[in-house]
Amino acid sequence: MDTANRQSEMLDYIAKQRRKRDLQHYWVSFALMIVFTVLAFLAVYFRKSINDYLIAFFIVTMAVVQVIFQLYYFMHMKEKDHGFPALFLYGGAVVVFVTVLSFVTIVWIS
């Protein structure tokens, strides 16, 4: 009985440590998203001294990074049992990328 109790306590301790680590990851991710948002606002604020194309590229890059953070941490795409939803999300992202690329190419050629 003592071994089963000790094993149960060890499993509880491991679960508690995992929850603590996940909470720390959430807070770090949240803080990074706030920093990325502030950086994007600062880029727009200083638009007089920065090239417009560089600002647009920077804002889109910050948006993509934030989407990745959202999917990975807050939508739990890092979990092993989310393979099927991840397939649809990433497949949709590829379709959106190809669609935007084709429209940009069509406009650029015209």
N, C-alpha and C. Protein backbone atom coordinates (compact mmCIF):
# COMPACT_ATOMS: atom_id res chain seq x y z
N MET A 1 0.82 -1.19 0.00
CA MET A 1 0.00 0.00 0.00
C MET A 1 0.86 1.25 0.00
N ASP A 2 2.00 1.17 0.70
CA ASP A 2 2.88 2.32 0.80
C ASP A 2 3.48 2.66 -0.57
N THR A 3 3.81 1.65 -1.36
CA THR A 3 4.37 1.87 -2.69
C THR A 3 3.34 2.53 -3.61
N ALA A 4 2.11 2.10 -3.54
CA ALA A 4 1.05 2.68 -4.37
C ALA A 4 0.82 4.14 -3.97
N ASN A 5 0.86 4.44 -2.68
CA ASN A 5 0.68 5.80 -2.20
C ASN A 5 1.83 6.69 -2.67
N ARG A 6 3.05 6.18 -2.57
CA ARG A 6 4.22 6.93 -3.00
C ARG A 6 4.18 7.19 -4.50
N GLN A 7 3.75 6.19 -5.26
CA GLN A 7 3.64 6.34 -6.71
C GLN A 7 2.55 7.37 -7.06
N SER A 8 1.45 7.36 -6.35
CA SER A 8 0.38 8.33 -6.57
C SER A 8 0.86 9.75 -6.25
N GLU A 9 1.62 9.89 -5.17
CA GLU A 9 2.16 11.21 -4.83
C GLU A 9 3.13 11.69 -5.90
N MET A 10 3.93 10.78 -6.43
CA MET A 10 4.89 11.15 -7.47
C MET A 10 4.16 11.59 -8.74
N LEU A 11 3.09 10.88 -9.11
CA LEU A 11 2.31 11.26 -10.28
C LEU A 11 1.62 12.61 -10.08
N ASP A 12 1.13 12.85 -8.88
CA ASP A 12 0.53 14.15 -8.57
C ASP A 12 1.56 15.27 -8.66
N TYR A 13 2.76 15.01 -8.17
CA TYR A 13 3.83 16.00 -8.22
C TYR A 13 4.21 16.31 -9.67
N ILE A 14 4.31 15.28 -10.50
CA ILE A 14 4.65 15.47 -11.91
C ILE A 14 3.56 16.27 -12.62
N ALA A 15 2.32 15.96 -12.35
CA ALA A 15 1.20 16.70 -12.96
C ALA A 15 1.22 18.15 -12.52
N LYS A 16 1.51 18.39 -11.24
CA LYS A 16 1.56 19.76 -10.73
C LYS A 16 2.70 20.53 -11.40
N GLN A 17 3.84 19.91 -11.57
CA GLN A 17 4.96 20.57 -12.22
C GLN A 17 4.65 20.86 -13.70
N ARG A 18 3.95 19.95 -14.35
CA ARG A 18 3.58 20.15 -15.74
C ARG A 18 2.60 21.33 -15.87
N ARG A 19 1.63 21.42 -14.98
CA ARG A 19 0.70 22.55 -14.99
C ARG A 19 1.42 23.87 -14.73
N LYS A 20 2.37 23.84 -13.81
CA LYS A 20 3.14 25.04 -13.50
C LYS A 20 3.96 25.48 -14.72
N ARG A 21 4.59 24.54 -15.40
CA ARG A 21 5.38 24.85 -16.58
C ARG A 21 4.50 25.39 -17.71
N ASP A 22 3.32 24.77 -17.89
CA ASP A 22 2.40 25.25 -18.91
C ASP A 22 1.92 26.66 -18.62
N LEU A 23 1.64 26.95 -17.36
CA LEU A 23 1.21 28.29 -16.99
C LEU A 23 2.33 29.31 -17.25
N GLN A 24 3.56 28.94 -16.96
CA GLN A 24 4.69 29.83 -17.26
C GLN A 24 4.80 30.08 -18.76
N HIS A 25 4.61 29.04 -19.56
CA HIS A 25 4.66 29.20 -21.02
C HIS A 25 3.54 30.12 -21.50
N TYR A 26 2.36 29.99 -20.93
CA TYR A 26 1.25 30.87 -21.30
C TYR A 26 1.59 32.33 -21.00
N TRP A 27 2.14 32.59 -19.84
CA TRP A 27 2.45 33.96 -19.47
C TRP A 27 3.55 34.54 -20.35
N VAL A 28 4.58 33.75 -20.63
CA VAL A 28 5.66 34.23 -21.51
C VAL A 28 5.11 34.48 -22.91
N SER A 29 4.30 33.58 -23.40
CA SER A 29 3.70 33.75 -24.72
C SER A 29 2.81 34.99 -24.76
N PHE A 30 2.01 35.19 -23.73
CA PHE A 30 1.15 36.37 -23.67
C PHE A 30 1.99 37.65 -23.65
N ALA A 31 3.04 37.67 -22.85
CA ALA A 31 3.91 38.85 -22.78
C ALA A 31 4.58 39.12 -24.13
N LEU A 32 5.03 38.07 -24.81
CA LEU A 32 5.64 38.25 -26.12
C LEU A 32 4.64 38.80 -27.13
N MET A 33 3.39 38.35 -27.07
CA MET A 33 2.38 38.87 -27.99
C MET A 33 2.11 40.35 -27.73
N ILE A 34 2.12 40.75 -26.47
CA ILE A 34 1.96 42.16 -26.14
C ILE A 34 3.14 42.96 -26.68
N VAL A 35 4.35 42.44 -26.52
CA VAL A 35 5.55 43.12 -27.03
C VAL A 35 5.48 43.24 -28.55
N PHE A 36 5.08 42.18 -29.24
CA PHE A 36 4.98 42.23 -30.71
C PHE A 36 3.94 43.26 -31.15
N THR A 37 2.84 43.35 -30.42
CA THR A 37 1.81 44.34 -30.75
C THR A 37 2.34 45.75 -30.55
N VAL A 38 3.05 45.98 -29.46
CA VAL A 38 3.62 47.31 -29.21
C VAL A 38 4.65 47.65 -30.28
N LEU A 39 5.47 46.68 -30.68
CA LEU A 39 6.45 46.93 -31.75
C LEU A 39 5.77 47.30 -33.06
N ALA A 40 4.66 46.64 -33.38
CA ALA A 40 3.93 46.97 -34.60
C ALA A 40 3.37 48.39 -34.52
N PHE A 41 2.82 48.77 -33.37
CA PHE A 41 2.32 50.13 -33.21
C PHE A 41 3.46 51.15 -33.30
N LEU A 42 4.60 50.84 -32.73
CA LEU A 42 5.74 51.75 -32.82
C LEU A 42 6.23 51.89 -34.26
N ALA A 43 6.20 50.82 -35.01
CA ALA A 43 6.61 50.89 -36.42
C ALA A 43 5.70 51.84 -37.19
N VAL A 44 4.40 51.79 -36.91
CA VAL A 44 3.47 52.70 -37.57
C VAL A 44 3.67 54.13 -37.06
N TYR A 45 3.95 54.27 -35.79
CA TYR A 45 4.17 55.60 -35.20
C TYR A 45 5.37 56.29 -35.85
N PHE A 46 6.42 55.55 -36.12
CA PHE A 46 7.63 56.11 -36.72
C PHE A 46 7.64 55.95 -38.23
N ARG A 47 6.49 55.98 -38.87
CA ARG A 47 6.40 55.75 -40.31
C ARG A 47 7.06 56.83 -41.14
N LYS A 48 7.28 58.00 -40.59
CA LYS A 48 7.94 59.09 -41.33
C LYS A 48 9.40 58.75 -41.62
N SER A 49 10.03 58.01 -40.72
CA SER A 49 11.45 57.72 -40.87
C SER A 49 11.74 56.30 -41.34
N ILE A 50 10.70 55.49 -41.56
CA ILE A 50 10.89 54.10 -41.99
C ILE A 50 10.17 53.90 -43.32
N ASN A 51 10.77 53.12 -44.19
CA ASN A 51 10.18 52.82 -45.49
C ASN A 51 8.82 52.12 -45.31
N ASP A 52 7.83 52.51 -46.13
CA ASP A 52 6.48 51.94 -46.01
C ASP A 52 6.45 50.44 -46.25
N TYR A 53 7.23 49.96 -47.20
CA TYR A 53 7.26 48.53 -47.49
C TYR A 53 7.87 47.74 -46.33
N LEU A 54 8.86 48.33 -45.70
CA LEU A 54 9.47 47.68 -44.53
C LEU A 54 8.48 47.60 -43.37
N ILE A 55 7.70 48.66 -43.18
CA ILE A 55 6.68 48.65 -42.13
C ILE A 55 5.63 47.57 -42.41
N ALA A 56 5.17 47.50 -43.66
CA ALA A 56 4.17 46.49 -44.02
C ALA A 56 4.72 45.08 -43.79
N PHE A 57 5.95 44.85 -44.23
CA PHE A 57 6.57 43.53 -44.04
C PHE A 57 6.71 43.21 -42.55
N PHE A 58 7.11 44.20 -41.76
CA PHE A 58 7.29 44.00 -40.33
C PHE A 58 5.97 43.68 -39.64
N ILE A 59 4.91 44.40 -40.00
CA ILE A 59 3.60 44.17 -39.37
C ILE A 59 3.06 42.80 -39.74
N VAL A 60 3.20 42.41 -41.01
CA VAL A 60 2.74 41.08 -41.42
C VAL A 60 3.54 39.99 -40.72
N THR A 61 4.84 40.21 -40.57
CA THR A 61 5.67 39.23 -39.86
C THR A 61 5.24 39.10 -38.40
N MET A 62 4.98 40.21 -37.75
CA MET A 62 4.51 40.17 -36.36
C MET A 62 3.16 39.46 -36.26
N ALA A 63 2.29 39.67 -37.25
CA ALA A 63 0.98 39.01 -37.24
C ALA A 63 1.14 37.50 -37.40
N VAL A 64 2.02 37.08 -38.29
CA VAL A 64 2.24 35.64 -38.50
C VAL A 64 2.82 35.00 -37.24
N VAL A 65 3.76 35.67 -36.61
CA VAL A 65 4.35 35.15 -35.37
C VAL A 65 3.28 35.02 -34.28
N GLN A 66 2.40 36.02 -34.19
CA GLN A 66 1.35 35.95 -33.18
C GLN A 66 0.35 34.84 -33.47
N VAL A 67 0.05 34.61 -34.73
CA VAL A 67 -0.85 33.49 -35.07
C VAL A 67 -0.21 32.17 -34.68
N ILE A 68 1.08 32.04 -34.92
CA ILE A 68 1.77 30.80 -34.54
C ILE A 68 1.74 30.61 -33.02
N PHE A 69 2.00 31.69 -32.27
CA PHE A 69 1.91 31.60 -30.81
C PHE A 69 0.50 31.20 -30.39
N GLN A 70 -0.50 31.82 -30.99
CA GLN A 70 -1.89 31.50 -30.63
C GLN A 70 -2.19 30.03 -30.88
N LEU A 71 -1.81 29.53 -32.05
CA LEU A 71 -2.10 28.14 -32.37
C LEU A 71 -1.31 27.19 -31.47
N TYR A 72 -0.05 27.50 -31.25
CA TYR A 72 0.80 26.56 -30.54
C TYR A 72 0.47 26.49 -29.05
N TYR A 73 0.29 27.64 -28.42
CA TYR A 73 0.07 27.63 -26.98
C TYR A 73 -1.40 27.66 -26.58
N PHE A 74 -2.16 28.62 -27.12
CA PHE A 74 -3.52 28.80 -26.62
C PHE A 74 -4.52 27.87 -27.29
N MET A 75 -4.25 27.40 -28.48
CA MET A 75 -5.14 26.45 -29.13
C MET A 75 -4.64 25.01 -28.94
N HIS A 76 -3.57 24.82 -28.19
CA HIS A 76 -3.04 23.51 -27.80
C HIS A 76 -2.64 22.65 -29.00
N MET A 77 -2.11 23.27 -30.05
CA MET A 77 -1.66 22.49 -31.20
C MET A 77 -0.37 21.73 -30.91
N LYS A 78 0.26 22.01 -29.78
CA LYS A 78 1.46 21.27 -29.40
C LYS A 78 1.13 19.89 -28.83
N GLU A 79 -0.12 19.68 -28.49
CA GLU A 79 -0.55 18.39 -27.93
C GLU A 79 -0.51 17.32 -29.01
N LYS A 80 -0.22 16.10 -28.61
CA LYS A 80 -0.07 15.01 -29.57
C LYS A 80 -1.39 14.58 -30.20
N ASP A 81 -2.50 14.73 -29.49
CA ASP A 81 -3.76 14.22 -29.99
C ASP A 81 -4.53 15.23 -30.84
N HIS A 82 -3.87 16.28 -31.29
CA HIS A 82 -4.52 17.28 -32.13
C HIS A 82 -4.02 17.21 -33.57
N GLY A 83 -3.72 16.04 -34.05
CA GLY A 83 -3.18 15.88 -35.39
C GLY A 83 -4.18 16.20 -36.48
N PHE A 84 -5.40 15.73 -36.35
CA PHE A 84 -6.40 15.94 -37.39
C PHE A 84 -6.82 17.41 -37.49
N PRO A 85 -7.13 18.10 -36.39
CA PRO A 85 -7.43 19.53 -36.51
C PRO A 85 -6.23 20.34 -37.03
N ALA A 86 -5.03 19.95 -36.63
CA ALA A 86 -3.84 20.64 -37.12
C ALA A 86 -3.70 20.48 -38.62
N LEU A 87 -4.02 19.30 -39.14
CA LEU A 87 -3.97 19.07 -40.57
C LEU A 87 -4.88 20.05 -41.32
N PHE A 88 -6.09 20.24 -40.82
CA PHE A 88 -7.01 21.17 -41.47
C PHE A 88 -6.57 22.62 -41.32
N LEU A 89 -6.06 22.98 -40.15
CA LEU A 89 -5.58 24.35 -39.95
C LEU A 89 -4.41 24.67 -40.86
N TYR A 90 -3.43 23.79 -40.89
CA TYR A 90 -2.25 24.05 -41.71
C TYR A 90 -2.58 23.93 -43.20
N GLY A 91 -3.48 23.01 -43.54
CA GLY A 91 -3.92 22.92 -44.94
C GLY A 91 -4.64 24.18 -45.38
N GLY A 92 -5.47 24.73 -44.50
CA GLY A 92 -6.14 26.00 -44.80
C GLY A 92 -5.15 27.14 -44.94
N ALA A 93 -4.11 27.13 -44.12
CA ALA A 93 -3.08 28.17 -44.22
C ALA A 93 -2.36 28.09 -45.55
N VAL A 94 -2.10 26.88 -46.03
CA VAL A 94 -1.46 26.72 -47.34
C VAL A 94 -2.37 27.23 -48.45
N VAL A 95 -3.66 26.93 -48.37
CA VAL A 95 -4.62 27.40 -49.37
C VAL A 95 -4.68 28.93 -49.37
N VAL A 96 -4.71 29.54 -48.19
CA VAL A 96 -4.74 31.00 -48.11
C VAL A 96 -3.46 31.59 -48.69
N PHE A 97 -2.32 31.00 -48.36
CA PHE A 97 -1.05 31.50 -48.88
C PHE A 97 -1.00 31.42 -50.39
N VAL A 98 -1.41 30.30 -50.97
CA VAL A 98 -1.39 30.15 -52.42
C VAL A 98 -2.38 31.12 -53.07
N THR A 99 -3.55 31.32 -52.48
CA THR A 99 -4.53 32.25 -53.03
C THR A 99 -4.00 33.68 -53.02
N VAL A 100 -3.46 34.11 -51.88
CA VAL A 100 -2.91 35.47 -51.81
C VAL A 100 -1.75 35.63 -52.77
N LEU A 101 -0.88 34.64 -52.84
CA LEU A 101 0.25 34.70 -53.77
C LEU A 101 -0.21 34.80 -55.22
N SER A 102 -1.25 34.06 -55.57
CA SER A 102 -1.75 34.12 -56.96
C SER A 102 -2.37 35.47 -57.26
N PHE A 103 -3.14 36.04 -56.32
CA PHE A 103 -3.72 37.36 -56.56
C PHE A 103 -2.65 38.44 -56.64
N VAL A 104 -1.65 38.37 -55.79
CA VAL A 104 -0.56 39.35 -55.85
C VAL A 104 0.20 39.22 -57.16
N THR A 105 0.41 38.01 -57.62
CA THR A 105 1.10 37.78 -58.88
C THR A 105 0.29 38.31 -60.05
N ILE A 106 -1.03 38.08 -60.04
CA ILE A 106 -1.89 38.56 -61.11
C ILE A 106 -1.88 40.09 -61.16
N VAL A 107 -1.97 40.73 -60.02
CA VAL A 107 -1.97 42.20 -59.97
C VAL A 107 -0.60 42.74 -60.39
N TRP A 108 0.47 42.05 -59.98
CA TRP A 108 1.81 42.51 -60.29
C TRP A 108 2.07 42.40 -61.78
N ILE A 109 1.61 41.36 -62.43
CA ILE A 109 1.84 41.16 -63.85
C ILE A 109 1.01 42.14 -64.68
N SER A 110 -0.19 42.46 -64.25
CA SER A 110 -1.08 43.33 -65.02
C SER A 110 -0.59 44.72 -65.15
